[in-house]
PDB file of N, CA and C in Angstrom:
ATOM      1  N   MET A   1     277.086 178.419  98.911  1.00  0.00           N
ATOM      2  CA  MET A   1     276.736 177.616  97.757  1.00  0.00           C
ATOM      3  C   MET A   1     277.571 176.340  97.790  1.00  0.00           C
ATOM      4  N   CYS A   2     276.942 175.221  97.470  1.00  0.00           N
ATOM      5  CA  CYS A   2     277.642 173.943  97.535  1.00  0.00           C
ATOM      6  C   CYS A   2     278.660 173.818  96.400  1.00  0.00           C
ATOM      7  N   GLY A   3     279.647 172.932  96.588  1.00  0.00           N
ATOM      8  CA  GLY A   3     280.719 172.759  95.605  1.00  0.00           C
ATOM      9  C   GLY A   3     280.215 172.267  94.258  1.00  0.00           C
ATOM     10  N   GLY A   4     279.261 171.349  94.261  1.00  0.00           N
ATOM     11  CA  GLY A   4     278.710 170.833  93.010  1.00  0.00           C
ATOM     12  C   GLY A   4     277.949 171.897  92.234  1.00  0.00           C
ATOM     13  N   CYS A   5     277.230 172.742  92.974  1.00  0.00           N
ATOM     14  CA  CYS A   5     276.493 173.826  92.316  1.00  0.00           C
ATOM     15  C   CYS A   5     277.459 174.844  91.717  1.00  0.00           C
ATOM     16  N   MET A   6     278.515 175.152  92.437  1.00  0.00           N
ATOM     17  CA  MET A   6     279.504 176.112  91.945  1.00  0.00           C
ATOM     18  C   MET A   6     280.206 175.571  90.708  1.00  0.00           C
ATOM     19  N   LEU A   7     280.559 174.292  90.717  1.00  0.00           N
ATOM     20  CA  LEU A   7     281.200 173.681  89.552  1.00  0.00           C
ATOM     21  C   LEU A   7     280.258 173.680  88.351  1.00  0.00           C
ATOM     22  N   THR A   8     278.988 173.437  88.575  1.00  0.00           N
ATOM     23  CA  THR A   8     278.007 173.452  87.489  1.00  0.00           C
ATOM     24  C   THR A   8     277.866 174.846  86.902  1.00  0.00           C
ATOM     25  N   LEU A   9     277.766 175.866  87.741  1.00  0.00           N
ATOM     26  CA  LEU A   9     277.665 177.237  87.249  1.00  0.00           C
ATOM     27  C   LEU A   9     278.920 177.647  86.480  1.00  0.00           C
ATOM     28  N   LEU A  10     280.076 177.289  86.982  1.00  0.00           N
ATOM     29  CA  LEU A  10     281.310 177.596  86.267  1.00  0.00           C
ATOM     30  C   LEU A  10     281.385 176.854  84.942  1.00  0.00           C
ATOM     31  N   ALA A  11     280.913 175.611  84.905  1.00  0.00           N
ATOM     32  CA  ALA A  11     280.933 174.834  83.669  1.00  0.00           C
ATOM     33  C   ALA A  11     280.021 175.450  82.614  1.00  0.00           C
ATOM     34  N   ILE A  12     278.928 176.054  83.033  1.00  0.00           N
ATOM     35  CA  ILE A  12     278.037 176.714  82.087  1.00  0.00           C
ATOM     36  C   ILE A  12     278.684 177.982  81.546  1.00  0.00           C
ATOM     37  N   LEU A  13     279.352 178.732  82.415  1.00  0.00           N
ATOM     38  CA  LEU A  13     279.947 180.002  81.997  1.00  0.00           C
ATOM     39  C   LEU A  13     281.298 179.834  81.312  1.00  0.00           C
ATOM     40  N   LEU A  14     282.134 178.943  81.807  1.00  0.00           N
ATOM     41  CA  LEU A  14     283.495 178.762  81.305  1.00  0.00           C
ATOM     42  C   LEU A  14     283.799 177.278  81.115  1.00  0.00           C
ATOM     43  N   PRO A  15     283.206 176.635  80.130  1.00  0.00           N
ATOM     44  CA  PRO A  15     283.340 175.177  80.034  1.00  0.00           C
ATOM     45  C   PRO A  15     284.776 174.706  79.812  1.00  0.00           C
ATOM     46  N   ARG A  16     285.542 175.400  78.990  1.00  0.00           N
ATOM     47  CA  ARG A  16     286.910 174.954  78.721  1.00  0.00           C
ATOM     48  C   ARG A  16     287.800 175.090  79.950  1.00  0.00           C
ATOM     49  N   ALA A  17     287.628 176.153  80.706  1.00  0.00           N
ATOM     50  CA  ALA A  17     288.417 176.331  81.925  1.00  0.00           C
ATOM     51  C   ALA A  17     288.092 175.244  82.946  1.00  0.00           C
ATOM     52  N   VAL A  18     286.827 174.891  83.059  1.00  0.00           N
ATOM     53  CA  VAL A  18     286.431 173.843  83.998  1.00  0.00           C
ATOM     54  C   VAL A  18     286.983 172.489  83.552  1.00  0.00           C
ATOM     55  N   LEU A  19     286.968 172.221  82.246  1.00  0.00           N
ATOM     56  CA  LEU A  19     287.530 170.957  81.767  1.00  0.00           C
ATOM     57  C   LEU A  19     289.023 170.862  82.071  1.00  0.00           C
ATOM     58  N   VAL A  20     289.746 171.969  81.921  1.00  0.00           N
ATOM     59  CA  VAL A  20     291.176 171.962  82.262  1.00  0.00           C
ATOM     60  C   VAL A  20     291.358 171.723  83.759  1.00  0.00           C
ATOM     61  N   ALA A  21     290.553 172.386  84.580  1.00  0.00           N
ATOM     62  CA  ALA A  21     290.658 172.201  86.028  1.00  0.00           C
ATOM     63  C   ALA A  21     290.346 170.754  86.423  1.00  0.00           C
ATOM     64  N   ILE A  22     289.342 170.166  85.798  1.00  0.00           N
ATOM     65  CA  ILE A  22     289.008 168.766  86.088  1.00  0.00           C
ATOM     66  C   ILE A  22     290.152 167.854  85.669  1.00  0.00           C
ATOM     67  N   TRP A  23     290.728 168.117  84.504  1.00  0.00           N
ATOM     68  CA  TRP A  23     291.845 167.297  84.022  1.00  0.00           C
ATOM     69  C   TRP A  23     293.050 167.389  84.962  1.00  0.00           C
ATOM     70  N   LEU A  24     293.320 168.579  85.498  1.00  0.00           N
ATOM     71  CA  LEU A  24     294.482 168.766  86.374  1.00  0.00           C
ATOM     72  C   LEU A  24     294.279 168.191  87.768  1.00  0.00           C
ATOM     73  N   THR A  25     293.043 168.147  88.248  1.00  0.00           N
ATOM     74  CA  THR A  25     292.820 167.800  89.651  1.00  0.00           C
ATOM     75  C   THR A  25     292.175 166.436  89.890  1.00  0.00           C
ATOM     76  N   THR A  26     291.620 165.814  88.848  1.00  0.00           N
ATOM     77  CA  THR A  26     290.946 164.531  89.055  1.00  0.00           C
ATOM     78  C   THR A  26     291.361 163.531  87.979  1.00  0.00           C
ATOM     79  N   ASP A  27     290.859 162.325  88.105  1.00  0.00           N
ATOM     80  CA  ASP A  27     291.071 161.311  87.063  1.00  0.00           C
ATOM     81  C   ASP A  27     289.757 160.977  86.351  1.00  0.00           C
ATOM     82  N   TRP A  28     288.826 161.921  86.333  1.00  0.00           N
ATOM     83  CA  TRP A  28     287.522 161.685  85.725  1.00  0.00           C
ATOM     84  C   TRP A  28     287.613 161.413  84.231  1.00  0.00           C
ATOM     85  N   PHE A  29     288.525 162.089  83.528  1.00  0.00           N
ATOM     86  CA  PHE A  29     288.662 161.838  82.088  1.00  0.00           C
ATOM     87  C   PHE A  29     289.078 160.394  81.835  1.00  0.00           C
ATOM     88  N   ALA A  30     289.993 159.884  82.623  1.00  0.00           N
ATOM     89  CA  ALA A  30     290.447 158.499  82.455  1.00  0.00           C
ATOM     90  C   ALA A  30     289.315 157.514  82.748  1.00  0.00           C
ATOM     91  N   MET A  31     288.455 157.855  83.691  1.00  0.00           N
ATOM     92  CA  MET A  31     287.345 156.968  84.018  1.00  0.00           C
ATOM     93  C   MET A  31     286.232 157.030  82.974  1.00  0.00           C
ATOM     94  N   ALA A  32     286.027 158.176  82.320  1.00  0.00           N
ATOM     95  CA  ALA A  32     284.920 158.338  81.383  1.00  0.00           C
ATOM     96  C   ALA A  32     285.296 158.014  79.942  1.00  0.00           C
ATOM     97  N   TYR A  33     286.554 158.241  79.592  1.00  0.00           N
ATOM     98  CA  TYR A  33     286.993 158.034  78.209  1.00  0.00           C
ATOM     99  C   TYR A  33     288.093 156.987  78.174  1.00  0.00           C
ATOM    100  N   GLU A  34     288.132 156.217  77.098  1.00  0.00           N
ATOM    101  CA  GLU A  34     289.152 155.179  76.976  1.00  0.00           C
ATOM    102  C   GLU A  34     290.442 155.692  76.352  1.00  0.00           C
ATOM    103  N   THR A  35     290.387 156.829  75.677  1.00  0.00           N
ATOM    104  CA  THR A  35     291.546 157.387  74.996  1.00  0.00           C
ATOM    105  C   THR A  35     291.624 158.878  75.268  1.00  0.00           C
ATOM    106  N   TRP A  36     292.738 159.485  74.996  1.00  0.00           N
ATOM    107  CA  TRP A  36     292.919 160.919  75.229  1.00  0.00           C
ATOM    108  C   TRP A  36     292.362 161.749  74.079  1.00  0.00           C
ATOM    109  N   PHE A  37     292.134 161.138  72.901  1.00  0.00           N
ATOM    110  CA  PHE A  37     291.743 161.889  71.714  1.00  0.00           C
ATOM    111  C   PHE A  37     290.396 162.585  71.885  1.00  0.00           C
ATOM    112  N   TRP A  38     289.380 161.869  72.362  1.00  0.00           N
ATOM    113  CA  TRP A  38     288.039 162.452  72.448  1.00  0.00           C
ATOM    114  C   TRP A  38     287.942 163.605  73.443  1.00  0.00           C
ATOM    115  N   PRO A  39     288.555 163.533  74.611  1.00  0.00           N
ATOM    116  CA  PRO A  39     288.504 164.711  75.486  1.00  0.00           C
ATOM    117  C   PRO A  39     289.193 165.935  74.882  1.00  0.00           C
ATOM    118  N   VAL A  40     290.317 165.722  74.189  1.00  0.00           N
ATOM    119  CA  VAL A  40     291.012 166.866  73.583  1.00  0.00           C
ATOM    120  C   VAL A  40     290.180 167.444  72.444  1.00  0.00           C
ATOM    121  N   ALA A  41     289.645 166.584  71.574  1.00  0.00           N
ATOM    122  CA  ALA A  41     288.786 167.057  70.490  1.00  0.00           C
ATOM    123  C   ALA A  41     287.542 167.748  71.046  1.00  0.00           C
ATOM    124  N   GLY A  42     286.987 167.205  72.105  1.00  0.00           N
ATOM    125  CA  GLY A  42     285.827 167.825  72.737  1.00  0.00           C
ATOM    126  C   GLY A  42     286.157 169.161  73.358  1.00  0.00           C
ATOM    127  N   TRP A  43     287.329 169.286  73.943  1.00  0.00           N
ATOM    128  CA  TRP A  43     287.745 170.567  74.530  1.00  0.00           C
ATOM    129  C   TRP A  43     287.835 171.634  73.443  1.00  0.00           C
ATOM    130  N   ILE A  44     288.323 171.249  72.269  1.00  0.00           N
ATOM    131  CA  ILE A  44     288.488 172.212  71.182  1.00  0.00           C
ATOM    132  C   ILE A  44     287.148 172.547  70.531  1.00  0.00           C
ATOM    133  N   PHE A  45     286.347 171.538  70.193  1.00  0.00           N
ATOM    134  CA  PHE A  45     285.164 171.752  69.367  1.00  0.00           C
ATOM    135  C   PHE A  45     283.840 171.771  70.119  1.00  0.00           C
ATOM    136  N   MET A  46     283.667 170.927  71.145  1.00  0.00           N
ATOM    137  CA  MET A  46     282.370 170.793  71.806  1.00  0.00           C
ATOM    138  C   MET A  46     282.543 170.624  73.317  1.00  0.00           C
ATOM    139  N   PRO A  47     282.894 171.701  74.020  1.00  0.00           N
ATOM    140  CA  PRO A  47     283.176 171.571  75.456  1.00  0.00           C
ATOM    141  C   PRO A  47     281.958 171.197  76.306  1.00  0.00           C
ATOM    142  N   TYR A  48     280.776 171.721  75.971  1.00  0.00           N
ATOM    143  CA  TYR A  48     279.594 171.365  76.758  1.00  0.00           C
ATOM    144  C   TYR A  48     279.280 169.874  76.631  1.00  0.00           C
ATOM    145  N   THR A  49     279.380 169.348  75.420  1.00  0.00           N
ATOM    146  CA  THR A  49     279.111 167.933  75.196  1.00  0.00           C
ATOM    147  C   THR A  49     280.130 167.062  75.913  1.00  0.00           C
ATOM    148  N   THR A  50     281.388 167.473  75.890  1.00  0.00           N
ATOM    149  CA  THR A  50     282.432 166.711  76.576  1.00  0.00           C
ATOM    150  C   THR A  50     282.149 166.628  78.073  1.00  0.00           C
ATOM    151  N   ALA A  51     281.799 167.743  78.666  1.00  0.00           N
ATOM    152  CA  ALA A  51     281.509 167.758  80.107  1.00  0.00           C
ATOM    153  C   ALA A  51     280.249 166.952  80.425  1.00  0.00           C
ATOM    154  N   ALA A  52     279.211 167.085  79.604  1.00  0.00           N
ATOM    155  CA  ALA A  52     277.966 166.345  79.853  1.00  0.00           C
ATOM    156  C   ALA A  52     278.176 164.845  79.704  1.00  0.00           C
ATOM    157  N   TYR A  53     278.927 164.436  78.681  1.00  0.00           N
ATOM    158  CA  TYR A  53     279.181 163.010  78.492  1.00  0.00           C
ATOM    159  C   TYR A  53     280.000 162.447  79.650  1.00  0.00           C
ATOM    160  N   MET A  54     280.981 163.216  80.100  1.00  0.00           N
ATOM    161  CA  MET A  54     281.792 162.759  81.232  1.00  0.00           C
ATOM    162  C   MET A  54     280.925 162.603  82.480  1.00  0.00           C
ATOM    163  N   ALA A  55     280.052 163.571  82.739  1.00  0.00           N
ATOM    164  CA  ALA A  55     279.164 163.476  83.899  1.00  0.00           C
ATOM    165  C   ALA A  55     278.236 162.279  83.777  1.00  0.00           C
ATOM    166  N   ALA A  56     277.709 162.050  82.577  1.00  0.00           N
ATOM    167  CA  ALA A  56     276.804 160.918  82.377  1.00  0.00           C
ATOM    168  C   ALA A  56     277.521 159.595  82.594  1.00  0.00           C
ATOM    169  N   MET A  57     278.723 159.463  82.086  1.00  0.00           N
ATOM    170  CA  MET A  57     279.465 158.209  82.241  1.00  0.00           C
ATOM    171  C   MET A  57     279.842 157.958  83.704  1.00  0.00           C
ATOM    172  N   LEU A  58     280.187 159.007  84.416  1.00  0.00           N
ATOM    173  CA  LEU A  58     280.610 158.833  85.805  1.00  0.00           C
ATOM    174  C   LEU A  58     279.440 158.605  86.750  1.00  0.00           C
ATOM    175  N   ARG A  59     278.309 159.226  86.493  1.00  0.00           N
ATOM    176  CA  ARG A  59     277.171 159.160  87.416  1.00  0.00           C
ATOM    177  C   ARG A  59     276.149 158.087  87.070  1.00  0.00           C
ATOM    178  N   ASN A  60     276.272 157.484  85.879  1.00  0.00           N
ATOM    179  CA  ASN A  60     275.254 156.536  85.441  1.00  0.00           C
ATOM    180  C   ASN A  60     275.851 155.157  85.167  1.00  0.00           C
ATOM    181  N   GLU A  61     276.819 154.772  85.945  1.00  0.00           N
ATOM    182  CA  GLU A  61     277.422 153.439  85.886  1.00  0.00           C
ATOM    183  C   GLU A  61     277.978 153.080  84.508  1.00  0.00           C
ATOM    184  N   GLY A  62     278.607 154.034  83.853  1.00  0.00           N
ATOM    185  CA  GLY A  62     279.319 153.756  82.616  1.00  0.00           C
ATOM    186  C   GLY A  62     278.512 153.718  81.339  1.00  0.00           C
ATOM    187  N   HIS A  63     277.275 154.189  81.364  1.00  0.00           N
ATOM    188  CA  HIS A  63     276.508 154.277  80.122  1.00  0.00           C
ATOM    189  C   HIS A  63     275.626 155.523  80.160  1.00  0.00           C
ATOM    190  N   VAL A  64     275.211 155.951  78.983  1.00  0.00           N
ATOM    191  CA  VAL A  64     274.401 157.166  78.844  1.00  0.00           C
ATOM    192  C   VAL A  64     272.969 156.763  78.530  1.00  0.00           C
ATOM    193  N   SER A  65     272.055 157.070  79.439  1.00  0.00           N
ATOM    194  CA  SER A  65     270.642 156.748  79.213  1.00  0.00           C
ATOM    195  C   SER A  65     269.778 157.647  80.080  1.00  0.00           C
ATOM    196  N   GLY A  66     268.499 157.682  79.761  1.00  0.00           N
ATOM    197  CA  GLY A  66     267.533 158.428  80.555  1.00  0.00           C
ATOM    198  C   GLY A  66     267.795 159.918  80.566  1.00  0.00           C
ATOM    199  N   GLY A  67     267.761 160.484  81.757  1.00  0.00           N
ATOM    200  CA  GLY A  67     267.981 161.911  81.926  1.00  0.00           C
ATOM    201  C   GLY A  67     269.378 162.340  81.503  1.00  0.00           C
ATOM    202  N   TRP A  68     270.342 161.455  81.670  1.00  0.00           N
ATOM    203  CA  TRP A  68     271.713 161.778  81.248  1.00  0.00           C
ATOM    204  C   TRP A  68     271.801 161.898  79.741  1.00  0.00           C
ATOM    205  N   LEU A  69     271.050 161.077  79.024  1.00  0.00           N
ATOM    206  CA  LEU A  69     271.010 161.187  77.568  1.00  0.00           C
ATOM    207  C   LEU A  69     270.401 162.527  77.166  1.00  0.00           C
ATOM    208  N   ALA A  70     269.360 162.947  77.869  1.00  0.00           N
ATOM    209  CA  ALA A  70     268.752 164.258  77.591  1.00  0.00           C
ATOM    210  C   ALA A  70     269.764 165.377  77.840  1.00  0.00           C
ATOM    211  N   LEU A  71     270.556 165.261  78.892  1.00  0.00           N
ATOM    212  CA  LEU A  71     271.584 166.265  79.180  1.00  0.00           C
ATOM    213  C   LEU A  71     272.616 166.322  78.062  1.00  0.00           C
ATOM    214  N   VAL A  72     273.039 165.174  77.562  1.00  0.00           N
ATOM    215  CA  VAL A  72     274.025 165.146  76.477  1.00  0.00           C
ATOM    216  C   VAL A  72     273.430 165.763  75.211  1.00  0.00           C
ATOM    217  N   VAL A  73     272.177 165.484  74.916  1.00  0.00           N
ATOM    218  CA  VAL A  73     271.525 166.063  73.731  1.00  0.00           C
ATOM    219  C   VAL A  73     271.434 167.587  73.866  1.00  0.00           C
ATOM    220  N   VAL A  74     271.066 168.078  75.032  1.00  0.00           N
ATOM    221  CA  VAL A  74     271.006 169.525  75.256  1.00  0.00           C
ATOM    222  C   VAL A  74     272.398 170.142  75.103  1.00  0.00           C
ATOM    223  N   ALA A  75     273.418 169.449  75.588  1.00  0.00           N
ATOM    224  CA  ALA A  75     274.793 169.954  75.457  1.00  0.00           C
ATOM    225  C   ALA A  75     275.230 170.015  73.993  1.00  0.00           C
ATOM    226  N   VAL A  76     274.863 168.999  73.213  1.00  0.00           N
ATOM    227  CA  VAL A  76     275.181 169.014  71.776  1.00  0.00           C
ATOM    228  C   VAL A  76     274.503 170.207  71.112  1.00  0.00           C
ATOM    229  N   LEU A  77     273.244 170.440  71.432  1.00  0.00           N
ATOM    230  CA  LEU A  77     272.534 171.578  70.858  1.00  0.00           C
ATOM    231  C   LEU A  77     273.155 172.902  71.278  1.00  0.00           C
ATOM    232  N   ALA A  78     273.598 173.006  72.528  1.00  0.00           N
ATOM    233  CA  ALA A  78     274.253 174.234  72.988  1.00  0.00           C
ATOM    234  C   ALA A  78     275.570 174.464  72.246  1.00  0.00           C
ATOM    235  N   ASP A  79     276.342 173.404  72.061  1.00  0.00           N
ATOM    236  CA  ASP A  79     277.596 173.541  71.315  1.00  0.00           C
ATOM    237  C   ASP A  79     277.343 173.937  69.866  1.00  0.00           C
ATOM    238  N   LEU A  80     276.399 173.279  69.227  1.00  0.00           N
ATOM    239  CA  LEU A  80     276.094 173.616  67.837  1.00  0.00           C
ATOM    240  C   LEU A  80     275.538 175.032  67.728  1.00  0.00           C
ATOM    241  N   GLY A  81     274.736 175.441  68.691  1.00  0.00           N
ATOM    242  CA  GLY A  81     274.206 176.800  68.690  1.00  0.00           C
ATOM    243  C   GLY A  81     275.282 177.847  68.856  1.00  0.00           C
ATOM    244  N   SER A  82     276.277 177.557  69.680  1.00  0.00           N
ATOM    245  CA  SER A  82     277.354 178.540  69.855  1.00  0.00           C
ATOM    246  C   SER A  82     278.196 178.644  68.595  1.00  0.00           C
ATOM    247  N   HIS A  83     278.395 177.530  67.883  1.00  0.00           N
ATOM    248  CA  HIS A  83     279.130 177.586  66.615  1.00  0.00           C
ATOM    249  C   HIS A  83     278.317 178.325  65.561  1.00  0.00           C
ATOM    250  N   GLY A  84     277.018 178.091  65.508  1.00  0.00           N
ATOM    251  CA  GLY A  84     276.164 178.749  64.523  1.00  0.00           C
ATOM    252  C   GLY A  84     276.049 180.240  64.758  1.00  0.00           C
ATOM    253  N   SER A  85     275.926 180.649  66.000  1.00  0.00           N
ATOM    254  CA  SER A  85     275.813 182.081  66.286  1.00  0.00           C
ATOM    255  C   SER A  85     277.126 182.794  66.011  1.00  0.00           C
ATOM    256  N   GLY A  86     278.235 182.102  66.176  1.00  0.00           N
ATOM    257  CA  GLY A  86     279.523 182.711  65.845  1.00  0.00           C
ATOM    258  C   GLY A  86     279.629 183.016  64.366  1.00  0.00           C
ATOM    259  N   GLY A  87     279.131 182.108  63.518  1.00  0.00           N
ATOM    260  CA  GLY A  87     279.135 182.339  62.078  1.00  0.00           C
ATOM    261  C   GLY A  87     278.222 183.482  61.690  1.00  0.00           C
ATOM    262  N   ALA A  88     277.062 183.568  62.326  1.00  0.00           N
ATOM    263  CA  ALA A  88     276.126 184.654  62.027  1.00  0.00           C
ATOM    264  C   ALA A  88     276.720 185.998  62.428  1.00  0.00           C
ATOM    265  N   GLN A  89     277.388 186.055  63.570  1.00  0.00           N
ATOM    266  CA  GLN A  89     278.018 187.305  63.995  1.00  0.00           C
ATOM    267  C   GLN A  89     279.143 187.696  63.052  1.00  0.00           C
ATOM    268  N   TYR A  90     279.895 186.720  62.557  1.00  0.00           N
ATOM    269  CA  TYR A  90     280.963 187.007  61.610  1.00  0.00           C
ATOM    270  C   TYR A  90     280.396 187.591  60.322  1.00  0.00           C
ATOM    271  N   ARG A  91     279.320 187.005  59.812  1.00  0.00           N
ATOM    272  CA  ARG A  91     278.720 187.509  58.581  1.00  0.00           C
ATOM    273  C   ARG A  91     278.174 188.920  58.774  1.00  0.00           C
ATOM    274  N   ALA A  92     277.606 189.204  59.941  1.00  0.00           N
ATOM    275  CA  ALA A  92     277.093 190.551  60.210  1.00  0.00           C
ATOM    276  C   ALA A  92     278.231 191.562  60.262  1.00  0.00           C
ATOM    277  N   ARG A  93     279.339 191.210  60.925  1.00  0.00           N
ATOM    278  CA  ARG A  93     280.489 192.122  60.972  1.00  0.00           C
ATOM    279  C   ARG A  93     281.072 192.341  59.592  1.00  0.00           C
ATOM    280  N   LEU A  94     281.114 191.296  58.780  1.00  0.00           N
ATOM    281  CA  LEU A  94     281.648 191.405  57.426  1.00  0.00           C
ATOM    282  C   LEU A  94     280.791 192.335  56.579  1.00  0.00           C
ATOM    283  N   THR A  95     279.477 192.239  56.727  1.00  0.00           N
ATOM    284  CA  THR A  95     278.574 193.116  55.986  1.00  0.00           C
ATOM    285  C   THR A  95     278.798 194.568  56.378  1.00  0.00           C
ATOM    286  N   VAL A  96     278.923 194.848  57.659  1.00  0.00           N
ATOM    287  CA  VAL A  96     279.166 196.207  58.133  1.00  0.00           C
ATOM    288  C   VAL A  96     280.504 196.709  57.615  1.00  0.00           C
ATOM    289  N   TRP A  97     281.505 195.879  57.652  1.00  0.00           N
ATOM    290  CA  TRP A  97     282.829 196.274  57.176  1.00  0.00           C
ATOM    291  C   TRP A  97     282.798 196.619  55.685  1.00  0.00           C
ATOM    292  N   ARG A  98     282.091 195.811  54.892  1.00  0.00           N
ATOM    293  CA  ARG A  98     281.991 196.078  53.458  1.00  0.00           C
ATOM    294  C   ARG A  98     281.279 197.389  53.189  1.00  0.00           C
ATOM    295  N   ARG A  99     280.213 197.676  53.943  1.00  0.00           N
ATOM    296  CA  ARG A  99     279.498 198.954  53.760  1.00  0.00           C
ATOM    297  C   ARG A  99     280.403 200.132  54.067  1.00  0.00           C
ATOM    298  N   ARG A 100     281.146 200.048  55.134  1.00  0.00           N
ATOM    299  CA  ARG A 100     282.041 201.145  55.499  1.00  0.00           C
ATOM    300  C   ARG A 100     283.142 201.317  54.471  1.00  0.00           C
ATOM    301  N   ARG A 101     283.665 200.223  53.989  1.00  0.00           N
ATOM    302  CA  ARG A 101     284.754 200.299  53.019  1.00  0.00           C
ATOM    303  C   ARG A 101     284.278 200.887  51.695  1.00  0.00           C
ATOM    304  N   LEU A 102     283.077 200.553  51.298  1.00  0.00           N
ATOM    305  CA  LEU A 102     282.545 201.060  50.037  1.00  0.00           C
ATOM    306  C   LEU A 102     281.955 202.461  50.168  1.00  0.00           C
ATOM    307  N   GLY A 103     281.948 203.012  51.372  1.00  0.00           N
ATOM    308  CA  GLY A 103     281.466 204.375  51.585  1.00  0.00           C
ATOM    309  C   GLY A 103     279.969 204.514  51.626  1.00  0.00           C
ATOM    310  N   GLY A 104     279.280 203.442  51.857  1.00  0.00           N
ATOM    311  CA  GLY A 104     277.826 203.484  51.924  1.00  0.00           C
ATOM    312  C   GLY A 104     277.341 204.115  53.212  1.00  0.00           C
ATOM    313  N   ALA A 105     276.064 204.332  53.274  1.00  0.00           N
ATOM    314  CA  ALA A 105     275.453 204.888  54.487  1.00  0.00           C
ATOM    315  C   ALA A 105     275.600 203.860  55.616  1.00  0.00           C
ATOM    316  N   PRO A 106     275.846 204.333  56.835  1.00  0.00           N
ATOM    317  CA  PRO A 106     275.971 203.398  57.947  1.00  0.00           C
ATOM    318  C   PRO A 106     274.660 202.673  58.222  1.00  0.00           C
ATOM    319  N   ALA A 107     274.781 201.435  58.568  1.00  0.00           N
ATOM    320  CA  ALA A 107     273.599 200.648  58.894  1.00  0.00           C
ATOM    321  C   ALA A 107     273.097 201.040  60.273  1.00  0.00           C
ATOM    322  N   ILE A 108     271.877 200.697  60.555  1.00  0.00           N
ATOM    323  CA  ILE A 108     271.286 201.020  61.861  1.00  0.00           C
ATOM    324  C   ILE A 108     272.069 200.338  62.977  1.00  0.00           C
ATOM    325  N   ARG A 109     272.567 199.125  62.722  1.00  0.00           N
ATOM    326  CA  ARG A 109     273.301 198.394  63.759  1.00  0.00           C
ATOM    327  C   ARG A 109     274.663 199.018  64.028  1.00  0.00           C
ATOM    328  N   ASP A 110     275.168 199.902  63.161  1.00  0.00           N
ATOM    329  CA  ASP A 110     276.483 200.501  63.353  1.00  0.00           C
ATOM    330  C   ASP A 110     276.498 201.491  64.498  1.00  0.00           C
ATOM    331  N   VAL A 111     275.369 202.054  64.823  1.00  0.00           N
ATOM    332  CA  VAL A 111     275.307 203.117  65.830  1.00  0.00           C
ATOM    333  C   VAL A 111     275.448 202.576  67.196  1.00  0.00           C
TER     334      VAL A 111
END
């Protein structure tokens, strides 16, 4: 498997780890971003978007357009979806916990 394909697969599975590896081994963050704040904020809150924006800036001569813009939009949706599903899972666990604490019948999902 080629190096670019492997990096892409790792970025999909472990985006924060790949961003740290890129930061330690290359100067891509300095080339794509003018300040350190946005990469750090992106690492914390929106890692897919941070990686997609960096790729778009580096591969598209310093601007985001065309297919690269579509990639950034998909990355934003993936980040927002992961945050939304985390909240839904938290609410489901909280509901199960409340049922158990109150001594109610176990829910079907508890089994």
